[in-house]
Amino acid sequence: NKRVKPIIIDPGLYELEKSEILWLPKQRSMPTAFRLFT
């Protein structure tokens, strides 16, 4: 889905410490493990 940009990763999901959200400049294909509701 080209409408889903940019890719956002919340480090809080992976780390116990609260940190800022990482914005990835690279574009990746959408994971097939879940669907986005737009």
C-alpha atoms as a PDB file:
ATOM      1  CA  ASN A   1       0.000   0.000   0.000  1.00  0.00           C
ATOM      2  CA  LYS A   2       1.687   3.161  -1.210  1.00  0.00           C
ATOM      3  CA  ARG A   3      -0.441   5.312   1.098  1.00  0.00           C
ATOM      4  CA  VAL A   4       1.290   3.965   4.173  1.00  0.00           C
ATOM      5  CA  LYS A   5       4.314   6.238   4.681  1.00  0.00           C
ATOM      6  CA  PRO A   6       6.563   6.796   6.358  1.00  0.00           C
ATOM      7  CA  ILE A   7       7.449   3.780   8.467  1.00  0.00           C
ATOM      8  CA  ILE A   8       7.160   4.499  12.181  1.00  0.00           C
ATOM      9  CA  ILE A   9       8.655   2.315  14.890  1.00  0.00           C
ATOM     10  CA  ASP A  10       7.902   2.912  18.554  1.00  0.00           C
ATOM     11  CA  PRO A  11      10.920   1.797  20.612  1.00  0.00           C
ATOM     12  CA  GLY A  12       8.596   1.569  23.625  1.00  0.00           C
ATOM     13  CA  LEU A  13       7.238  -1.634  22.133  1.00  0.00           C
ATOM     14  CA  TYR A  14      10.648  -3.253  22.298  1.00  0.00           C
ATOM     15  CA  GLU A  15      12.346  -1.522  25.212  1.00  0.00           C
ATOM     16  CA  LEU A  16      11.368  -0.953  28.809  1.00  0.00           C
ATOM     17  CA  GLU A  17      12.737   2.560  28.670  1.00  0.00           C
ATOM     18  CA  LYS A  18      10.618   5.251  27.062  1.00  0.00           C
ATOM     19  CA  SER A  19      12.316   6.779  24.055  1.00  0.00           C
ATOM     20  CA  GLU A  20      11.381   8.870  21.062  1.00  0.00           C
ATOM     21  CA  ILE A  21       9.638   7.375  18.062  1.00  0.00           C
ATOM     22  CA  LEU A  22      12.008   6.445  15.249  1.00  0.00           C
ATOM     23  CA  TRP A  23      11.177   7.585  11.734  1.00  0.00           C
ATOM     24  CA  LEU A  24      12.775   5.322   9.155  1.00  0.00           C
ATOM     25  CA  PRO A  25      13.691   7.079   5.893  1.00  0.00           C
ATOM     26  CA  LYS A  26      13.742   3.816   3.967  1.00  0.00           C
ATOM     27  CA  GLN A  27      10.565   2.453   2.419  1.00  0.00           C
ATOM     28  CA  ARG A  28       9.674  -1.168   3.057  1.00  0.00           C
ATOM     29  CA  SER A  29       6.981  -3.446   1.772  1.00  0.00           C
ATOM     30  CA  MET A  30       4.014  -3.925   4.048  1.00  0.00           C
ATOM     31  CA  PRO A  31       4.176  -6.945   6.376  1.00  0.00           C
ATOM     32  CA  THR A  32       1.640  -9.625   5.580  1.00  0.00           C
ATOM     33  CA  ALA A  33       1.204 -10.566   9.232  1.00  0.00           C
ATOM     34  CA  PHE A  34      -1.428  -7.890   9.730  1.00  0.00           C
ATOM     35  CA  ARG A  35      -3.741  -5.603   7.791  1.00  0.00           C
ATOM     36  CA  LEU A  36      -4.046  -1.852   8.086  1.00  0.00           C
ATOM     37  CA  PHE A  37      -7.493  -0.363   8.490  1.00  0.00           C
ATOM     38  CA  THR A  38      -7.653   2.828   6.441  1.00  0.00           C
END
